[in-house]
Amino acid sequence: MILNMLSTASMVKLGKVFQNLMVDVKPKNQKLIQRAQKIIMKVGEVDMENASKILQESGNDVKVSIVMAKLGCGVEMAQKSLIDSEGYLNRLIENPQN
């Protein structure tokens, strides 16, 4: 239990988790692609069709897809925004002024 807490805290600290979801998943098979689409749907507030389209446009990058869905921007702008926020979705989405 302690190891689980430590690993979870590490993932949060590294920016791999957003709103209790593992957003740094690498969708390399159908199961992970579906998981990524569901994450994009939930955080990006889009339907499955748009989540799938955005995921493909982003080159299967879940974080970029979330930014695209949430902020309504293209791939390049989403990538730049993530770089500016050091890869932390919470800085970018929950606190856009930072």
PDB file of N, CA and C in Angstrom:
ATOM      1  N   MET A   1       0.832  -1.180   0.000  1.00  0.00           N
ATOM      2  CA  MET A   1       0.000   0.000   0.000  1.00  0.00           C
ATOM      3  C   MET A   1       0.883   1.254   0.000  1.00  0.00           C
ATOM      4  N   ILE A   2       1.938   1.228   0.779  1.00  0.00           N
ATOM      5  CA  ILE A   2       2.841   2.380   0.843  1.00  0.00           C
ATOM      6  C   ILE A   2       3.541   2.582  -0.495  1.00  0.00           C
ATOM      7  N   LEU A   3       3.977   1.483  -1.121  1.00  0.00           N
ATOM      8  CA  LEU A   3       4.620   1.587  -2.434  1.00  0.00           C
ATOM      9  C   LEU A   3       3.660   2.159  -3.469  1.00  0.00           C
ATOM     10  N   ASN A   4       2.412   1.764  -3.404  1.00  0.00           N
ATOM     11  CA  ASN A   4       1.407   2.285  -4.319  1.00  0.00           C
ATOM     12  C   ASN A   4       1.232   3.797  -4.117  1.00  0.00           C
ATOM     13  N   MET A   5       1.182   4.228  -2.871  1.00  0.00           N
ATOM     14  CA  MET A   5       1.048   5.657  -2.572  1.00  0.00           C
ATOM     15  C   MET A   5       2.252   6.428  -3.087  1.00  0.00           C
ATOM     16  N   LEU A   6       3.452   5.872  -2.897  1.00  0.00           N
ATOM     17  CA  LEU A   6       4.669   6.540  -3.361  1.00  0.00           C
ATOM     18  C   LEU A   6       4.712   6.643  -4.879  1.00  0.00           C
ATOM     19  N   SER A   7       4.355   5.563  -5.564  1.00  0.00           N
ATOM     20  CA  SER A   7       4.387   5.602  -7.024  1.00  0.00           C
ATOM     21  C   SER A   7       3.317   6.549  -7.563  1.00  0.00           C
ATOM     22  N   THR A   8       2.160   6.567  -6.943  1.00  0.00           N
ATOM     23  CA  THR A   8       1.098   7.489  -7.360  1.00  0.00           C
ATOM     24  C   THR A   8       1.528   8.932  -7.147  1.00  0.00           C
ATOM     25  N   ALA A   9       2.115   9.225  -6.013  1.00  0.00           N
ATOM     26  CA  ALA A   9       2.594  10.574  -5.733  1.00  0.00           C
ATOM     27  C   ALA A   9       3.667  10.984  -6.742  1.00  0.00           C
ATOM     28  N   SER A  10       4.534  10.048  -7.095  1.00  0.00           N
ATOM     29  CA  SER A  10       5.579  10.329  -8.088  1.00  0.00           C
ATOM     30  C   SER A  10       4.969  10.670  -9.436  1.00  0.00           C
ATOM     31  N   MET A  11       3.978   9.903  -9.854  1.00  0.00           N
ATOM     32  CA  MET A  11       3.329  10.142 -11.141  1.00  0.00           C
ATOM     33  C   MET A  11       2.633  11.500 -11.174  1.00  0.00           C
ATOM     34  N   VAL A  12       2.014  11.867 -10.076  1.00  0.00           N
ATOM     35  CA  VAL A  12       1.358  13.174  -9.991  1.00  0.00           C
ATOM     36  C   VAL A  12       2.419  14.277 -10.077  1.00  0.00           C
ATOM     37  N   LYS A  13       3.493  14.115  -9.344  1.00  0.00           N
ATOM     38  CA  LYS A  13       4.562  15.104  -9.306  1.00  0.00           C
ATOM     39  C   LYS A  13       5.221  15.285 -10.672  1.00  0.00           C
ATOM     40  N   LEU A  14       5.291  14.209 -11.452  1.00  0.00           N
ATOM     41  CA  LEU A  14       5.915  14.251 -12.772  1.00  0.00           C
ATOM     42  C   LEU A  14       4.962  14.751 -13.865  1.00  0.00           C
ATOM     43  N   GLY A  15       3.706  14.997 -13.516  1.00  0.00           N
ATOM     44  CA  GLY A  15       2.733  15.505 -14.484  1.00  0.00           C
ATOM     45  C   GLY A  15       2.141  14.427 -15.369  1.00  0.00           C
ATOM     46  N   LYS A  16       2.220  13.182 -14.962  1.00  0.00           N
ATOM     47  CA  LYS A  16       1.690  12.078 -15.756  1.00  0.00           C
ATOM     48  C   LYS A  16       0.237  11.770 -15.419  1.00  0.00           C
ATOM     49  N   VAL A  17      -0.298  12.441 -14.400  1.00  0.00           N
ATOM     50  CA  VAL A  17      -1.672  12.222 -13.954  1.00  0.00           C
ATOM     51  C   VAL A  17      -2.396  13.564 -13.965  1.00  0.00           C
ATOM     52  N   PHE A  18      -3.658  13.515 -14.401  1.00  0.00           N
ATOM     53  CA  PHE A  18      -4.503  14.709 -14.380  1.00  0.00           C
ATOM     54  C   PHE A  18      -5.891  14.277 -13.966  1.00  0.00           C
ATOM     55  N   GLN A  19      -6.444  14.911 -12.953  1.00  0.00           N
ATOM     56  CA  GLN A  19      -7.783  14.595 -12.449  1.00  0.00           C
ATOM     57  C   GLN A  19      -7.966  13.093 -12.232  1.00  0.00           C
ATOM     58  N   ASN A  20      -7.020  12.482 -11.591  1.00  0.00           N
ATOM     59  CA  ASN A  20      -7.097  11.064 -11.251  1.00  0.00           C
ATOM     60  C   ASN A  20      -7.016  10.136 -12.471  1.00  0.00           C
ATOM     61  N   LEU A  21      -6.540  10.653 -13.604  1.00  0.00           N
ATOM     62  CA  LEU A  21      -6.417   9.870 -14.830  1.00  0.00           C
ATOM     63  C   LEU A  21      -4.971   9.850 -15.295  1.00  0.00           C
ATOM     64  N   MET A  22      -4.492   8.697 -15.729  1.00  0.00           N
ATOM     65  CA  MET A  22      -3.141   8.573 -16.260  1.00  0.00           C
ATOM     66  C   MET A  22      -3.139   9.091 -17.695  1.00  0.00           C
ATOM     67  N   VAL A  23      -2.679  10.321 -17.890  1.00  0.00           N
ATOM     68  CA  VAL A  23      -2.742  10.963 -19.201  1.00  0.00           C
ATOM     69  C   VAL A  23      -1.492  10.747 -20.035  1.00  0.00           C
ATOM     70  N   ASP A  24      -0.489  10.115 -19.488  1.00  0.00           N
ATOM     71  CA  ASP A  24       0.729   9.839 -20.246  1.00  0.00           C
ATOM     72  C   ASP A  24       0.718   8.430 -20.824  1.00  0.00           C
ATOM     73  N   VAL A  25      -0.461   7.873 -20.991  1.00  0.00           N
ATOM     74  CA  VAL A  25      -0.593   6.536 -21.578  1.00  0.00           C
ATOM     75  C   VAL A  25      -0.143   6.602 -23.036  1.00  0.00           C
ATOM     76  N   LYS A  26       0.564   5.584 -23.469  1.00  0.00           N
ATOM     77  CA  LYS A  26       1.016   5.484 -24.860  1.00  0.00           C
ATOM     78  C   LYS A  26       0.114   4.469 -25.566  1.00  0.00           C
ATOM     79  N   PRO A  27      -0.852   4.943 -26.351  1.00  0.00           N
ATOM     80  CA  PRO A  27      -1.825   4.044 -26.981  1.00  0.00           C
ATOM     81  C   PRO A  27      -1.206   3.243 -28.133  1.00  0.00           C
ATOM     82  N   LYS A  28      -0.694   2.056 -27.820  1.00  0.00           N
ATOM     83  CA  LYS A  28      -0.008   1.231 -28.806  1.00  0.00           C
ATOM     84  C   LYS A  28      -0.823   0.016 -29.243  1.00  0.00           C
ATOM     85  N   ASN A  29      -1.933  -0.239 -28.578  1.00  0.00           N
ATOM     86  CA  ASN A  29      -2.816  -1.332 -29.007  1.00  0.00           C
ATOM     87  C   ASN A  29      -4.261  -0.858 -28.866  1.00  0.00           C
ATOM     88  N   GLN A  30      -5.189  -1.662 -29.334  1.00  0.00           N
ATOM     89  CA  GLN A  30      -6.594  -1.241 -29.366  1.00  0.00           C
ATOM     90  C   GLN A  30      -7.140  -0.917 -27.978  1.00  0.00           C
ATOM     91  N   LYS A  31      -6.780  -1.705 -26.987  1.00  0.00           N
ATOM     92  CA  LYS A  31      -7.264  -1.465 -25.622  1.00  0.00           C
ATOM     93  C   LYS A  31      -6.781  -0.100 -25.112  1.00  0.00           C
ATOM     94  N   LEU A  32      -5.519   0.218 -25.345  1.00  0.00           N
ATOM     95  CA  LEU A  32      -4.974   1.495 -24.879  1.00  0.00           C
ATOM     96  C   LEU A  32      -5.501   2.669 -25.711  1.00  0.00           C
ATOM     97  N   ILE A  33      -5.782   2.426 -26.992  1.00  0.00           N
ATOM     98  CA  ILE A  33      -6.386   3.472 -27.820  1.00  0.00           C
ATOM     99  C   ILE A  33      -7.772   3.812 -27.289  1.00  0.00           C
ATOM    100  N   GLN A  34      -8.548   2.798 -26.945  1.00  0.00           N
ATOM    101  CA  GLN A  34      -9.878   3.047 -26.389  1.00  0.00           C
ATOM    102  C   GLN A  34      -9.789   3.765 -25.046  1.00  0.00           C
ATOM    103  N   ARG A  35      -8.821   3.373 -24.216  1.00  0.00           N
ATOM    104  CA  ARG A  35      -8.631   4.048 -22.930  1.00  0.00           C
ATOM    105  C   ARG A  35      -8.274   5.521 -23.162  1.00  0.00           C
ATOM    106  N   ALA A  36      -7.383   5.772 -24.109  1.00  0.00           N
ATOM    107  CA  ALA A  36      -6.981   7.145 -24.426  1.00  0.00           C
ATOM    108  C   ALA A  36      -8.179   7.961 -24.907  1.00  0.00           C
ATOM    109  N   GLN A  37      -9.003   7.374 -25.764  1.00  0.00           N
ATOM    110  CA  GLN A  37     -10.185   8.077 -26.263  1.00  0.00           C
ATOM    111  C   GLN A  37     -11.134   8.438 -25.127  1.00  0.00           C
ATOM    112  N   LYS A  38     -11.309   7.527 -24.188  1.00  0.00           N
ATOM    113  CA  LYS A  38     -12.191   7.797 -23.048  1.00  0.00           C
ATOM    114  C   LYS A  38     -11.624   8.910 -22.169  1.00  0.00           C
ATOM    115  N   ILE A  39     -10.319   8.932 -21.998  1.00  0.00           N
ATOM    116  CA  ILE A  39      -9.679  10.001 -21.217  1.00  0.00           C
ATOM    117  C   ILE A  39      -9.878  11.337 -21.923  1.00  0.00           C
ATOM    118  N   ILE A  40      -9.666  11.361 -23.230  1.00  0.00           N
ATOM    119  CA  ILE A  40      -9.846  12.594 -24.008  1.00  0.00           C
ATOM    120  C   ILE A  40     -11.293  13.054 -23.946  1.00  0.00           C
ATOM    121  N   MET A  41     -12.237  12.109 -24.035  1.00  0.00           N
ATOM    122  CA  MET A  41     -13.657  12.450 -23.930  1.00  0.00           C
ATOM    123  C   MET A  41     -13.965  13.119 -22.595  1.00  0.00           C
ATOM    124  N   LYS A  42     -13.450  12.524 -21.530  1.00  0.00           N
ATOM    125  CA  LYS A  42     -13.761  13.019 -20.190  1.00  0.00           C
ATOM    126  C   LYS A  42     -13.128  14.383 -19.930  1.00  0.00           C
ATOM    127  N   VAL A  43     -11.843  14.488 -20.133  1.00  0.00           N
ATOM    128  CA  VAL A  43     -11.143  15.735 -19.815  1.00  0.00           C
ATOM    129  C   VAL A  43     -11.421  16.808 -20.867  1.00  0.00           C
ATOM    130  N   GLY A  44     -11.418  16.407 -22.137  1.00  0.00           N
ATOM    131  CA  GLY A  44     -11.619  17.369 -23.219  1.00  0.00           C
ATOM    132  C   GLY A  44     -13.062  17.732 -23.469  1.00  0.00           C
ATOM    133  N   GLU A  45     -13.972  16.996 -22.819  1.00  0.00           N
ATOM    134  CA  GLU A  45     -15.408  17.245 -22.939  1.00  0.00           C
ATOM    135  C   GLU A  45     -15.870  17.176 -24.398  1.00  0.00           C
ATOM    136  N   VAL A  46     -15.485  16.078 -25.064  1.00  0.00           N
ATOM    137  CA  VAL A  46     -15.903  15.839 -26.443  1.00  0.00           C
ATOM    138  C   VAL A  46     -16.513  14.439 -26.537  1.00  0.00           C
ATOM    139  N   ASP A  47     -17.188  14.163 -27.659  1.00  0.00           N
ATOM    140  CA  ASP A  47     -17.761  12.834 -27.856  1.00  0.00           C
ATOM    141  C   ASP A  47     -16.697  11.876 -28.401  1.00  0.00           C
ATOM    142  N   MET A  48     -17.061  10.600 -28.497  1.00  0.00           N
ATOM    143  CA  MET A  48     -16.102   9.566 -28.918  1.00  0.00           C
ATOM    144  C   MET A  48     -15.572   9.828 -30.326  1.00  0.00           C
ATOM    145  N   GLU A  49     -16.434  10.261 -31.220  1.00  0.00           N
ATOM    146  CA  GLU A  49     -16.013  10.517 -32.602  1.00  0.00           C
ATOM    147  C   GLU A  49     -14.933  11.603 -32.651  1.00  0.00           C
ATOM    148  N   ASN A  50     -15.162  12.697 -31.938  1.00  0.00           N
ATOM    149  CA  ASN A  50     -14.170  13.779 -31.908  1.00  0.00           C
ATOM    150  C   ASN A  50     -12.910  13.356 -31.177  1.00  0.00           C
ATOM    151  N   ALA A  51     -13.056  12.607 -30.106  1.00  0.00           N
ATOM    152  CA  ALA A  51     -11.885  12.131 -29.360  1.00  0.00           C
ATOM    153  C   ALA A  51     -11.005  11.273 -30.252  1.00  0.00           C
ATOM    154  N   SER A  52     -11.619  10.399 -31.030  1.00  0.00           N
ATOM    155  CA  SER A  52     -10.882   9.530 -31.948  1.00  0.00           C
ATOM    156  C   SER A  52     -10.166  10.348 -33.019  1.00  0.00           C
ATOM    157  N   LYS A  53     -10.866  11.303 -33.578  1.00  0.00           N
ATOM    158  CA  LYS A  53     -10.299  12.170 -34.629  1.00  0.00           C
ATOM    159  C   LYS A  53      -9.120  12.975 -34.087  1.00  0.00           C
ATOM    160  N   ILE A  54      -9.307  13.576 -32.929  1.00  0.00           N
ATOM    161  CA  ILE A  54      -8.259  14.397 -32.319  1.00  0.00           C
ATOM    162  C   ILE A  54      -7.043  13.546 -31.973  1.00  0.00           C
ATOM    163  N   LEU A  55      -7.275  12.347 -31.455  1.00  0.00           N
ATOM    164  CA  LEU A  55      -6.168  11.456 -31.109  1.00  0.00           C
ATOM    165  C   LEU A  55      -5.341  11.124 -32.347  1.00  0.00           C
ATOM    166  N   GLN A  56      -5.999  10.852 -33.453  1.00  0.00           N
ATOM    167  CA  GLN A  56      -5.283  10.571 -34.703  1.00  0.00           C
ATOM    168  C   GLN A  56      -4.500  11.795 -35.168  1.00  0.00           C
ATOM    169  N   GLU A  57      -5.133  12.978 -35.119  1.00  0.00           N
ATOM    170  CA  GLU A  57      -4.473  14.216 -35.555  1.00  0.00           C
ATOM    171  C   GLU A  57      -3.215  14.503 -34.733  1.00  0.00           C
ATOM    172  N   SER A  58      -3.251  14.136 -33.469  1.00  0.00           N
ATOM    173  CA  SER A  58      -2.125  14.431 -32.577  1.00  0.00           C
ATOM    174  C   SER A  58      -0.995  13.406 -32.687  1.00  0.00           C
ATOM    175  N   GLY A  59      -1.184  12.385 -33.510  1.00  0.00           N
ATOM    176  CA  GLY A  59      -0.186  11.332 -33.599  1.00  0.00           C
ATOM    177  C   GLY A  59      -0.226  10.401 -32.394  1.00  0.00           C
ATOM    178  N   ASN A  60      -1.416  10.214 -31.847  1.00  0.00           N
ATOM    179  CA  ASN A  60      -1.649   9.353 -30.671  1.00  0.00           C
ATOM    180  C   ASN A  60      -1.011   9.894 -29.400  1.00  0.00           C
ATOM    181  N   ASP A  61      -0.915  11.180 -29.276  1.00  0.00           N
ATOM    182  CA  ASP A  61      -0.393  11.812 -28.062  1.00  0.00           C
ATOM    183  C   ASP A  61      -1.588  12.274 -27.220  1.00  0.00           C
ATOM    184  N   VAL A  62      -1.805  11.618 -26.108  1.00  0.00           N
ATOM    185  CA  VAL A  62      -2.996  11.873 -25.298  1.00  0.00           C
ATOM    186  C   VAL A  62      -2.990  13.289 -24.729  1.00  0.00           C
ATOM    187  N   LYS A  63      -1.865  13.725 -24.184  1.00  0.00           N
ATOM    188  CA  LYS A  63      -1.812  15.075 -23.605  1.00  0.00           C
ATOM    189  C   LYS A  63      -2.096  16.139 -24.659  1.00  0.00           C
ATOM    190  N   VAL A  64      -1.476  16.008 -25.822  1.00  0.00           N
ATOM    191  CA  VAL A  64      -1.712  16.967 -26.909  1.00  0.00           C
ATOM    192  C   VAL A  64      -3.182  16.929 -27.311  1.00  0.00           C
ATOM    193  N   SER A  65      -3.747  15.743 -27.382  1.00  0.00           N
ATOM    194  CA  SER A  65      -5.165  15.599 -27.745  1.00  0.00           C
ATOM    195  C   SER A  65      -6.078  16.292 -26.746  1.00  0.00           C
ATOM    196  N   ILE A  66      -5.774  16.153 -25.479  1.00  0.00           N
ATOM    197  CA  ILE A  66      -6.586  16.800 -24.444  1.00  0.00           C
ATOM    198  C   ILE A  66      -6.528  18.310 -24.598  1.00  0.00           C
ATOM    199  N   VAL A  67      -5.342  18.838 -24.811  1.00  0.00           N
ATOM    200  CA  VAL A  67      -5.196  20.293 -24.986  1.00  0.00           C
ATOM    201  C   VAL A  67      -5.964  20.737 -26.227  1.00  0.00           C
ATOM    202  N   MET A  68      -5.845  19.991 -27.314  1.00  0.00           N
ATOM    203  CA  MET A  68      -6.572  20.332 -28.540  1.00  0.00           C
ATOM    204  C   MET A  68      -8.074  20.370 -28.288  1.00  0.00           C
ATOM    205  N   ALA A  69      -8.590  19.360 -27.596  1.00  0.00           N
ATOM    206  CA  ALA A  69     -10.027  19.280 -27.325  1.00  0.00           C
ATOM    207  C   ALA A  69     -10.470  20.379 -26.377  1.00  0.00           C
ATOM    208  N   LYS A  70      -9.721  20.574 -25.324  1.00  0.00           N
ATOM    209  CA  LYS A  70     -10.118  21.516 -24.276  1.00  0.00           C
ATOM    210  C   LYS A  70     -10.015  22.970 -24.732  1.00  0.00           C
ATOM    211  N   LEU A  71      -8.924  23.281 -25.457  1.00  0.00           N
ATOM    212  CA  LEU A  71      -8.687  24.671 -25.850  1.00  0.00           C
ATOM    213  C   LEU A  71      -9.110  24.963 -27.291  1.00  0.00           C
ATOM    214  N   GLY A  72      -9.513  23.931 -28.027  1.00  0.00           N
ATOM    215  CA  GLY A  72      -9.956  24.128 -29.401  1.00  0.00           C
ATOM    216  C   GLY A  72      -8.856  24.619 -30.318  1.00  0.00           C
ATOM    217  N   CYS A  73      -7.661  24.073 -30.169  1.00  0.00           N
ATOM    218  CA  CYS A  73      -6.533  24.514 -30.983  1.00  0.00           C
ATOM    219  C   CYS A  73      -5.993  23.351 -31.805  1.00  0.00           C
ATOM    220  N   GLY A  74      -5.023  23.642 -32.667  1.00  0.00           N
ATOM    221  CA  GLY A  74      -4.396  22.623 -33.493  1.00  0.00           C
ATOM    222  C   GLY A  74      -3.241  21.943 -32.781  1.00  0.00           C
ATOM    223  N   VAL A  75      -2.635  21.006 -33.484  1.00  0.00           N
ATOM    224  CA  VAL A  75      -1.557  20.201 -32.917  1.00  0.00           C
ATOM    225  C   VAL A  75      -0.375  21.062 -32.498  1.00  0.00           C
ATOM    226  N   GLU A  76       0.083  21.935 -33.382  1.00  0.00           N
ATOM    227  CA  GLU A  76       1.277  22.738 -33.087  1.00  0.00           C
ATOM    228  C   GLU A  76       1.068  23.640 -31.876  1.00  0.00           C
ATOM    229  N   MET A  77      -0.079  24.281 -31.798  1.00  0.00           N
ATOM    230  CA  MET A  77      -0.375  25.160 -30.660  1.00  0.00           C
ATOM    231  C   MET A  77      -0.468  24.350 -29.368  1.00  0.00           C
ATOM    232  N   ALA A  78      -1.077  23.171 -29.439  1.00  0.00           N
ATOM    233  CA  ALA A  78      -1.195  22.312 -28.259  1.00  0.00           C
ATOM    234  C   ALA A  78       0.184  21.862 -27.790  1.00  0.00           C
ATOM    235  N   GLN A  79       1.042  21.481 -28.727  1.00  0.00           N
ATOM    236  CA  GLN A  79       2.406  21.066 -28.366  1.00  0.00           C
ATOM    237  C   GLN A  79       3.176  22.211 -27.727  1.00  0.00           C
ATOM    238  N   LYS A  80       3.072  23.397 -28.312  1.00  0.00           N
ATOM    239  CA  LYS A  80       3.765  24.569 -27.763  1.00  0.00           C
ATOM    240  C   LYS A  80       3.244  24.902 -26.371  1.00  0.00           C
ATOM    241  N   SER A  81       1.937  24.833 -26.204  1.00  0.00           N
ATOM    242  CA  SER A  81       1.335  25.121 -24.901  1.00  0.00           C
ATOM    243  C   SER A  81       1.814  24.137 -23.843  1.00  0.00           C
ATOM    244  N   LEU A  82       1.927  22.866 -24.222  1.00  0.00           N
ATOM    245  CA  LEU A  82       2.418  21.858 -23.280  1.00  0.00           C
ATOM    246  C   LEU A  82       3.887  22.097 -22.923  1.00  0.00           C
ATOM    247  N   ILE A  83       4.675  22.492 -23.901  1.00  0.00           N
ATOM    248  CA  ILE A  83       6.083  22.813 -23.623  1.00  0.00           C
ATOM    249  C   ILE A  83       6.154  23.990 -22.661  1.00  0.00           C
ATOM    250  N   ASP A  84       5.353  25.010 -22.917  1.00  0.00           N
ATOM    251  CA  ASP A  84       5.345  26.195 -22.051  1.00  0.00           C
ATOM    252  C   ASP A  84       4.925  25.861 -20.623  1.00  0.00           C
ATOM    253  N   SER A  85       4.052  24.864 -20.473  1.00  0.00           N
ATOM    254  CA  SER A  85       3.592  24.475 -19.129  1.00  0.00           C
ATOM    255  C   SER A  85       4.418  23.314 -18.566  1.00  0.00           C
ATOM    256  N   GLU A  86       5.544  23.035 -19.206  1.00  0.00           N
ATOM    257  CA  GLU A  86       6.469  21.976 -18.789  1.00  0.00           C
ATOM    258  C   GLU A  86       5.798  20.605 -18.743  1.00  0.00           C
ATOM    259  N   GLY A  87       4.774  20.402 -19.582  1.00  0.00           N
ATOM    260  CA  GLY A  87       4.099  19.113 -19.677  1.00  0.00           C
ATOM    261  C   GLY A  87       3.010  18.876 -18.657  1.00  0.00           C
ATOM    262  N   TYR A  88       2.710  19.880 -17.841  1.00  0.00           N
ATOM    263  CA  TYR A  88       1.696  19.717 -16.793  1.00  0.00           C
ATOM    264  C   TYR A  88       0.343  20.220 -17.292  1.00  0.00           C
ATOM    265  N   LEU A  89      -0.600  19.300 -17.476  1.00  0.00           N
ATOM    266  CA  LEU A  89      -1.936  19.681 -17.932  1.00  0.00           C
ATOM    267  C   LEU A  89      -2.651  20.578 -16.934  1.00  0.00           C
ATOM    268  N   ASN A  90      -2.455  20.322 -15.639  1.00  0.00           N
ATOM    269  CA  ASN A  90      -3.155  21.146 -14.651  1.00  0.00           C
ATOM    270  C   ASN A  90      -2.739  22.610 -14.744  1.00  0.00           C
ATOM    271  N   ARG A  91      -1.487  22.881 -15.024  1.00  0.00           N
ATOM    272  CA  ARG A  91      -1.038  24.277 -15.196  1.00  0.00           C
ATOM    273  C   ARG A  91      -1.688  24.902 -16.418  1.00  0.00           C
ATOM    274  N   LEU A  92      -1.859  24.121 -17.430  1.00  0.00           N
ATOM    275  CA  LEU A  92      -2.376  24.617 -18.698  1.00  0.00           C
ATOM    276  C   LEU A  92      -3.893  24.761 -18.699  1.00  0.00           C
ATOM    277  N   ILE A  93      -4.582  23.782 -18.136  1.00  0.00           N
ATOM    278  CA  ILE A  93      -6.044  23.757 -18.229  1.00  0.00           C
ATOM    279  C   ILE A  93      -6.731  24.373 -17.013  1.00  0.00           C
ATOM    280  N   GLU A  94      -6.275  24.017 -15.821  1.00  0.00           N
ATOM    281  CA  GLU A  94      -6.944  24.514 -14.617  1.00  0.00           C
ATOM    282  C   GLU A  94      -6.509  25.929 -14.242  1.00  0.00           C
ATOM    283  N   ASN A  95      -5.286  26.291 -14.605  1.00  0.00           N
ATOM    284  CA  ASN A  95      -4.758  27.619 -14.276  1.00  0.00           C
ATOM    285  C   ASN A  95      -4.197  28.265 -15.542  1.00  0.00           C
ATOM    286  N   PRO A  96      -5.040  28.634 -16.493  1.00  0.00           N
ATOM    287  CA  PRO A  96      -4.540  29.130 -17.781  1.00  0.00           C
ATOM    288  C   PRO A  96      -3.715  30.405 -17.689  1.00  0.00           C
ATOM    289  N   GLN A  97      -3.826  31.151 -16.616  1.00  0.00           N
ATOM    290  CA  GLN A  97      -3.064  32.381 -16.502  1.00  0.00           C
ATOM    291  C   GLN A  97      -1.597  32.116 -16.162  1.00  0.00           C
ATOM    292  N   ASN A  98      -1.246  30.912 -15.693  1.00  0.00           N
ATOM    293  CA  ASN A  98       0.136  30.599 -15.307  1.00  0.00           C
ATOM    294  C   ASN A  98       0.929  30.093 -16.482  1.00  0.00           C
TER     295      ASN A  98
END
